[in-house]
Amino acid sequence: MLEEAAASIAGELVAAPAEMNHAIAKRLRRAHGLTVTVQPLEGVLRRFDSTTCRLALAETLLRESRGFQMAFQLALIEAREAIETVLTGAAPSSAEAAMLIRIGLFNYVASALLMPYEPFLAVAKTLRHDVEVIAARFGVSWEQACHRLSTLQRPALRGVPFFFVRVDPAGNVSKRFSAAGFPFARYGGSCPRWIPKTSSNATPNT
């Protein structure tokens, strides 16, 4: 349902992958009267003012992160019904759990909006999963491309079963995801023999 919601929005934007940021900003402005600005912000990466209908993004954000924040804002407006339907099915145990799940779902839609499932999978196969080139093609960061690769497990159209883990030099895991069901440890740190060469790793789940 989330993929369909993102694909529907992306289809209406009619933009090349690398031009998605501009298309999203234009849709926010024309369809919802929302203006996006980039400016100095202290302590936050984004600030939304519902009174003036302005989304302010921190000047320290890279272009790829600005795109994600705009996609997140568009998802908040246009994908809320799909999000709430999925959330109801998840039956969260508390209001706090519901809020965390909701944020995660909006993040997912934002990612899927920037990197629509079928076009992204087709490009990944064509480029033989060259993450740097894939990221450049879609105008996203290396980490965003890695994360998206780990979500491509639609039953009728599966990609390589990657799992995604973001690890710091001390071995602390700060982000992890696998749509293929990789058995992440629930407690403790990562394997001490697993020393990351970068801040993120996308690895086939084989």
C-alpha atoms as a PDB file:
ATOM      1  CA  MET A   1       0.000   0.000   0.000  1.00  0.00           C
ATOM      2  CA  LEU A   2       2.812   2.428   0.836  1.00  0.00           C
ATOM      3  CA  GLU A   3       4.622   1.658  -2.418  1.00  0.00           C
ATOM      4  CA  GLU A   4       1.411   2.245  -4.353  1.00  0.00           C
ATOM      5  CA  ALA A   5       0.814   5.561  -2.606  1.00  0.00           C
ATOM      6  CA  ALA A   6       4.365   6.717  -3.373  1.00  0.00           C
ATOM      7  CA  ALA A   7       4.164   5.499  -6.987  1.00  0.00           C
ATOM      8  CA  SER A   8       0.881   7.344  -7.481  1.00  0.00           C
ATOM      9  CA  ILE A   9       2.383  10.628  -6.290  1.00  0.00           C
ATOM     10  CA  ALA A  10       5.580  10.111  -8.276  1.00  0.00           C
ATOM     11  CA  GLY A  11       3.558   9.338 -11.393  1.00  0.00           C
ATOM     12  CA  GLU A  12       1.755  12.661 -11.128  1.00  0.00           C
ATOM     13  CA  LEU A  13       5.001  14.576 -10.728  1.00  0.00           C
ATOM     14  CA  VAL A  14       6.225  13.420 -14.156  1.00  0.00           C
ATOM     15  CA  ALA A  15       9.874  14.174 -13.445  1.00  0.00           C
ATOM     16  CA  ALA A  16      13.173  12.537 -14.297  1.00  0.00           C
ATOM     17  CA  PRO A  17      14.762  10.900 -11.227  1.00  0.00           C
ATOM     18  CA  ALA A  18      17.469  13.549 -10.854  1.00  0.00           C
ATOM     19  CA  GLU A  19      14.850  16.339 -11.108  1.00  0.00           C
ATOM     20  CA  MET A  20      12.573  15.003  -8.378  1.00  0.00           C
ATOM     21  CA  ASN A  21      13.595  17.644  -5.817  1.00  0.00           C
ATOM     22  CA  HIS A  22      12.432  20.448  -8.071  1.00  0.00           C
ATOM     23  CA  ALA A  23       9.214  18.612  -8.946  1.00  0.00           C
ATOM     24  CA  ILE A  24       8.358  18.000  -5.288  1.00  0.00           C
ATOM     25  CA  ALA A  25       9.014  21.630  -4.350  1.00  0.00           C
ATOM     26  CA  LYS A  26       6.787  22.756  -7.222  1.00  0.00           C
ATOM     27  CA  ARG A  27       3.969  20.405  -6.183  1.00  0.00           C
ATOM     28  CA  LEU A  28       4.158  21.585  -2.587  1.00  0.00           C
ATOM     29  CA  ARG A  29       3.864  25.162  -3.791  1.00  0.00           C
ATOM     30  CA  ARG A  30       1.212  24.767  -6.488  1.00  0.00           C
ATOM     31  CA  ALA A  31      -0.996  22.069  -4.966  1.00  0.00           C
ATOM     32  CA  HIS A  32      -0.682  22.949  -1.287  1.00  0.00           C
ATOM     33  CA  GLY A  33       0.468  26.564  -1.147  1.00  0.00           C
ATOM     34  CA  LEU A  34       3.580  25.541   0.765  1.00  0.00           C
ATOM     35  CA  THR A  35       6.850  27.370   0.217  1.00  0.00           C
ATOM     36  CA  VAL A  36      10.233  25.743   0.868  1.00  0.00           C
ATOM     37  CA  THR A  37      13.167  27.877   1.993  1.00  0.00           C
ATOM     38  CA  VAL A  38      16.766  27.076   2.905  1.00  0.00           C
ATOM     39  CA  GLN A  39      18.107  29.110   5.795  1.00  0.00           C
ATOM     40  CA  PRO A  40      20.149  28.986   9.021  1.00  0.00           C
ATOM     41  CA  LEU A  41      18.365  26.932  11.690  1.00  0.00           C
ATOM     42  CA  GLU A  42      19.665  26.272  15.180  1.00  0.00           C
ATOM     43  CA  GLY A  43      19.203  22.855  16.739  1.00  0.00           C
ATOM     44  CA  VAL A  44      16.875  21.453  14.048  1.00  0.00           C
ATOM     45  CA  LEU A  45      17.123  20.323  10.451  1.00  0.00           C
ATOM     46  CA  ARG A  46      13.633  21.424   9.471  1.00  0.00           C
ATOM     47  CA  ARG A  47      10.896  23.695  10.749  1.00  0.00           C
ATOM     48  CA  PHE A  48       7.326  23.818   9.461  1.00  0.00           C
ATOM     49  CA  ASP A  49       5.160  26.856  10.147  1.00  0.00           C
ATOM     50  CA  SER A  50       1.510  25.987   9.506  1.00  0.00           C
ATOM     51  CA  THR A  51       0.501  29.647   9.900  1.00  0.00           C
ATOM     52  CA  THR A  52       2.650  30.920   7.043  1.00  0.00           C
ATOM     53  CA  CYS A  53       2.694  27.552   5.265  1.00  0.00           C
ATOM     54  CA  ARG A  54       6.482  27.544   5.060  1.00  0.00           C
ATOM     55  CA  LEU A  55       8.890  24.652   5.322  1.00  0.00           C
ATOM     56  CA  ALA A  56      12.335  25.875   6.358  1.00  0.00           C
ATOM     57  CA  LEU A  57      15.275  23.543   5.790  1.00  0.00           C
ATOM     58  CA  ALA A  58      18.645  23.983   7.457  1.00  0.00           C
ATOM     59  CA  GLU A  59      21.365  25.358   5.202  1.00  0.00           C
ATOM     60  CA  THR A  60      23.668  22.630   6.524  1.00  0.00           C
ATOM     61  CA  LEU A  61      21.580  19.914   4.862  1.00  0.00           C
ATOM     62  CA  LEU A  62      23.036  18.423   1.709  1.00  0.00           C
ATOM     63  CA  ARG A  63      20.938  18.520  -1.460  1.00  0.00           C
ATOM     64  CA  GLU A  64      19.995  14.852  -1.047  1.00  0.00           C
ATOM     65  CA  SER A  65      18.769  15.438   2.498  1.00  0.00           C
ATOM     66  CA  ARG A  66      16.772  18.490   1.428  1.00  0.00           C
ATOM     67  CA  GLY A  67      15.059  16.321  -1.151  1.00  0.00           C
ATOM     68  CA  PHE A  68      14.184  13.733   1.474  1.00  0.00           C
ATOM     69  CA  GLN A  69      12.760  16.381   3.818  1.00  0.00           C
ATOM     70  CA  MET A  70      10.561  17.774   1.049  1.00  0.00           C
ATOM     71  CA  ALA A  71       9.422  14.272   0.106  1.00  0.00           C
ATOM     72  CA  PHE A  72       8.603  13.623   3.769  1.00  0.00           C
ATOM     73  CA  GLN A  73       6.495  16.790   3.885  1.00  0.00           C
ATOM     74  CA  LEU A  74       4.639  15.808   0.723  1.00  0.00           C
ATOM     75  CA  ALA A  75       3.996  12.352   2.179  1.00  0.00           C
ATOM     76  CA  LEU A  76       2.581  13.975   5.318  1.00  0.00           C
ATOM     77  CA  ILE A  77       0.009  15.720   3.148  1.00  0.00           C
ATOM     78  CA  GLU A  78      -0.790  13.211   0.424  1.00  0.00           C
ATOM     79  CA  ALA A  79      -0.080   9.751   1.862  1.00  0.00           C
ATOM     80  CA  ARG A  80      -1.643  10.115   5.313  1.00  0.00           C
ATOM     81  CA  GLU A  81      -4.622   7.868   4.550  1.00  0.00           C
ATOM     82  CA  ALA A  82      -2.396   4.997   3.402  1.00  0.00           C
ATOM     83  CA  ILE A  83      -0.136   5.489   6.429  1.00  0.00           C
ATOM     84  CA  GLU A  84      -3.017   5.382   8.890  1.00  0.00           C
ATOM     85  CA  THR A  85      -4.433   2.247   7.253  1.00  0.00           C
ATOM     86  CA  VAL A  86      -1.116   0.430   7.643  1.00  0.00           C
ATOM     87  CA  LEU A  87      -0.731   1.750  11.180  1.00  0.00           C
ATOM     88  CA  THR A  88      -4.159   0.458  12.181  1.00  0.00           C
ATOM     89  CA  GLY A  89      -3.210  -2.984  10.919  1.00  0.00           C
ATOM     90  CA  ALA A  90      -0.017  -2.914  12.975  1.00  0.00           C
ATOM     91  CA  ALA A  91      -2.038  -2.416  16.176  1.00  0.00           C
ATOM     92  CA  PRO A  92       0.603  -0.452  18.133  1.00  0.00           C
ATOM     93  CA  SER A  93       0.677  -1.090  21.870  1.00  0.00           C
ATOM     94  CA  SER A  94       0.797   2.575  22.911  1.00  0.00           C
ATOM     95  CA  ALA A  95       0.518   6.114  21.610  1.00  0.00           C
ATOM     96  CA  GLU A  96       4.306   6.416  21.753  1.00  0.00           C
ATOM     97  CA  ALA A  97       4.738   3.246  19.703  1.00  0.00           C
ATOM     98  CA  ALA A  98       2.160   4.497  17.202  1.00  0.00           C
ATOM     99  CA  MET A  99       4.078   7.752  16.778  1.00  0.00           C
ATOM    100  CA  LEU A 100       7.385   5.955  16.160  1.00  0.00           C
ATOM    101  CA  ILE A 101       5.781   3.601  13.657  1.00  0.00           C
ATOM    102  CA  ARG A 102       4.040   6.497  11.923  1.00  0.00           C
ATOM    103  CA  ILE A 103       7.312   8.382  11.498  1.00  0.00           C
ATOM    104  CA  GLY A 104       8.967   5.250  10.115  1.00  0.00           C
ATOM    105  CA  LEU A 105       6.142   4.784   7.610  1.00  0.00           C
ATOM    106  CA  PHE A 106       6.326   8.393   6.441  1.00  0.00           C
ATOM    107  CA  ASN A 107      10.089   7.974   6.032  1.00  0.00           C
ATOM    108  CA  TYR A 108       9.444   4.890   3.922  1.00  0.00           C
ATOM    109  CA  VAL A 109       7.008   6.712   1.649  1.00  0.00           C
ATOM    110  CA  ALA A 110       9.432   9.623   1.269  1.00  0.00           C
ATOM    111  CA  SER A 111      12.175   7.215   0.184  1.00  0.00           C
ATOM    112  CA  ALA A 112       9.836   5.411  -2.209  1.00  0.00           C
ATOM    113  CA  LEU A 113       8.766   8.739  -3.675  1.00  0.00           C
ATOM    114  CA  LEU A 114      12.359   9.699  -4.473  1.00  0.00           C
ATOM    115  CA  MET A 115      13.176   6.195  -5.709  1.00  0.00           C
ATOM    116  CA  PRO A 116       9.982   4.591  -7.127  1.00  0.00           C
ATOM    117  CA  TYR A 117      10.055   0.797  -6.846  1.00  0.00           C
ATOM    118  CA  GLU A 118       9.964  -0.416 -10.446  1.00  0.00           C
ATOM    119  CA  PRO A 119      12.189   2.281 -12.007  1.00  0.00           C
ATOM    120  CA  PHE A 120      14.690   1.925  -9.171  1.00  0.00           C
ATOM    121  CA  LEU A 121      14.811  -1.866  -9.451  1.00  0.00           C
ATOM    122  CA  ALA A 122      15.241  -1.663 -13.225  1.00  0.00           C
ATOM    123  CA  VAL A 123      18.119   0.804 -12.892  1.00  0.00           C
ATOM    124  CA  ALA A 124      19.748  -1.275 -10.143  1.00  0.00           C
ATOM    125  CA  LYS A 125      19.715  -4.341 -12.394  1.00  0.00           C
ATOM    126  CA  THR A 126      20.947  -2.444 -15.434  1.00  0.00           C
ATOM    127  CA  LEU A 127      23.814  -0.879 -13.479  1.00  0.00           C
ATOM    128  CA  ARG A 128      24.624  -4.200 -11.774  1.00  0.00           C
ATOM    129  CA  HIS A 129      24.029  -2.621  -8.349  1.00  0.00           C
ATOM    130  CA  ASP A 130      26.742   0.008  -8.667  1.00  0.00           C
ATOM    131  CA  VAL A 131      25.531   2.046  -5.696  1.00  0.00           C
ATOM    132  CA  GLU A 132      27.442   5.227  -6.520  1.00  0.00           C
ATOM    133  CA  VAL A 133      26.036   5.400 -10.039  1.00  0.00           C
ATOM    134  CA  ILE A 134      22.519   4.489  -8.844  1.00  0.00           C
ATOM    135  CA  ALA A 135      22.669   7.273  -6.258  1.00  0.00           C
ATOM    136  CA  ALA A 136      23.799   9.765  -8.901  1.00  0.00           C
ATOM    137  CA  ARG A 137      21.048   8.655 -11.290  1.00  0.00           C
ATOM    138  CA  PHE A 138      18.320   9.318  -8.694  1.00  0.00           C
ATOM    139  CA  GLY A 139      19.921  12.342  -7.081  1.00  0.00           C
ATOM    140  CA  VAL A 140      20.081  10.692  -3.658  1.00  0.00           C
ATOM    141  CA  SER A 141      22.869   9.928  -1.211  1.00  0.00           C
ATOM    142  CA  TRP A 142      24.862   6.717  -1.165  1.00  0.00           C
ATOM    143  CA  GLU A 143      23.209   5.739   2.108  1.00  0.00           C
ATOM    144  CA  GLN A 144      19.715   6.442   0.778  1.00  0.00           C
ATOM    145  CA  ALA A 145      20.395   4.244  -2.254  1.00  0.00           C
ATOM    146  CA  CYS A 146      21.723   1.441  -0.029  1.00  0.00           C
ATOM    147  CA  HIS A 147      18.659   1.610   2.200  1.00  0.00           C
ATOM    148  CA  ARG A 148      16.316   1.501  -0.773  1.00  0.00           C
ATOM    149  CA  LEU A 149      18.088  -1.558  -2.163  1.00  0.00           C
ATOM    150  CA  SER A 150      17.222  -3.407   1.054  1.00  0.00           C
ATOM    151  CA  THR A 151      13.470  -2.822   0.527  1.00  0.00           C
ATOM    152  CA  LEU A 152      13.037  -4.378  -2.919  1.00  0.00           C
ATOM    153  CA  GLN A 153      11.216  -7.559  -1.931  1.00  0.00           C
ATOM    154  CA  ARG A 154       7.813  -7.240  -3.578  1.00  0.00           C
ATOM    155  CA  PRO A 155       6.604 -10.859  -4.036  1.00  0.00           C
ATOM    156  CA  ALA A 156       6.104 -10.643  -7.804  1.00  0.00           C
ATOM    157  CA  LEU A 157       9.080  -8.383  -8.459  1.00  0.00           C
ATOM    158  CA  ARG A 158      11.943  -9.134  -6.099  1.00  0.00           C
ATOM    159  CA  GLY A 159      15.374  -7.609  -6.129  1.00  0.00           C
ATOM    160  CA  VAL A 160      18.536  -8.965  -4.532  1.00  0.00           C
ATOM    161  CA  PRO A 161      17.798  -9.678  -0.832  1.00  0.00           C
ATOM    162  CA  PHE A 162      20.108  -7.035   0.616  1.00  0.00           C
ATOM    163  CA  PHE A 163      20.136  -6.082   4.272  1.00  0.00           C
ATOM    164  CA  PHE A 164      21.187  -2.651   5.448  1.00  0.00           C
ATOM    165  CA  VAL A 165      23.196  -1.782   8.539  1.00  0.00           C
ATOM    166  CA  ARG A 166      24.730   1.553   9.520  1.00  0.00           C
ATOM    167  CA  VAL A 167      27.621   1.085  11.933  1.00  0.00           C
ATOM    168  CA  ASP A 168      30.020   3.572  13.495  1.00  0.00           C
ATOM    169  CA  PRO A 169      33.773   2.858  13.954  1.00  0.00           C
ATOM    170  CA  ALA A 170      33.090   1.537  17.457  1.00  0.00           C
ATOM    171  CA  GLY A 171      30.672  -1.067  16.120  1.00  0.00           C
ATOM    172  CA  ASN A 172      27.493   0.631  17.353  1.00  0.00           C
ATOM    173  CA  VAL A 173      24.516   0.012  15.061  1.00  0.00           C
ATOM    174  CA  SER A 174      22.497   3.200  14.491  1.00  0.00           C
ATOM    175  CA  LYS A 175      20.237   1.998  11.685  1.00  0.00           C
ATOM    176  CA  ARG A 176      19.276  -1.347  10.208  1.00  0.00           C
ATOM    177  CA  PHE A 177      16.680  -2.697   7.806  1.00  0.00           C
ATOM    178  CA  SER A 178      15.912  -5.819   5.816  1.00  0.00           C
ATOM    179  CA  ALA A 179      12.703  -6.545   3.942  1.00  0.00           C
ATOM    180  CA  ALA A 180      14.063 -10.050   3.282  1.00  0.00           C
ATOM    181  CA  GLY A 181      13.911 -10.977   6.957  1.00  0.00           C
ATOM    182  CA  PHE A 182      17.567 -10.970   7.966  1.00  0.00           C
ATOM    183  CA  PRO A 183      17.799 -12.173  11.629  1.00  0.00           C
ATOM    184  CA  PHE A 184      19.318  -9.114  13.300  1.00  0.00           C
ATOM    185  CA  ALA A 185      20.407  -9.622  16.910  1.00  0.00           C
ATOM    186  CA  ARG A 186      17.907  -8.077  19.333  1.00  0.00           C
ATOM    187  CA  TYR A 187      20.514  -7.347  21.975  1.00  0.00           C
ATOM    188  CA  GLY A 188      24.208  -6.515  22.101  1.00  0.00           C
ATOM    189  CA  GLY A 189      26.466  -4.929  19.503  1.00  0.00           C
ATOM    190  CA  SER A 190      27.580  -6.115  16.123  1.00  0.00           C
ATOM    191  CA  CYS A 191      30.144  -8.817  15.535  1.00  0.00           C
ATOM    192  CA  PRO A 192      33.558  -7.524  16.716  1.00  0.00           C
ATOM    193  CA  ARG A 193      35.116  -8.924  13.545  1.00  0.00           C
ATOM    194  CA  TRP A 194      32.829  -6.750  11.421  1.00  0.00           C
ATOM    195  CA  ILE A 195      34.836  -3.540  11.067  1.00  0.00           C
ATOM    196  CA  PRO A 196      33.060  -1.107   8.726  1.00  0.00           C
ATOM    197  CA  LYS A 197      35.075   0.659   6.061  1.00  0.00           C
ATOM    198  CA  THR A 198      32.330   3.271   5.676  1.00  0.00           C
ATOM    199  CA  SER A 199      29.455   4.594   7.758  1.00  0.00           C
ATOM    200  CA  SER A 200      26.988   2.370   5.915  1.00  0.00           C
ATOM    201  CA  ASN A 201      27.018  -1.115   4.471  1.00  0.00           C
ATOM    202  CA  ALA A 202      24.513  -2.767   2.160  1.00  0.00           C
ATOM    203  CA  THR A 203      25.166  -6.485   1.982  1.00  0.00           C
ATOM    204  CA  PRO A 204      23.333  -9.280   0.122  1.00  0.00           C
ATOM    205  CA  ASN A 205      21.338 -11.506   2.463  1.00  0.00           C
ATOM    206  CA  THR A 206      22.379 -14.888   1.114  1.00  0.00           C
END
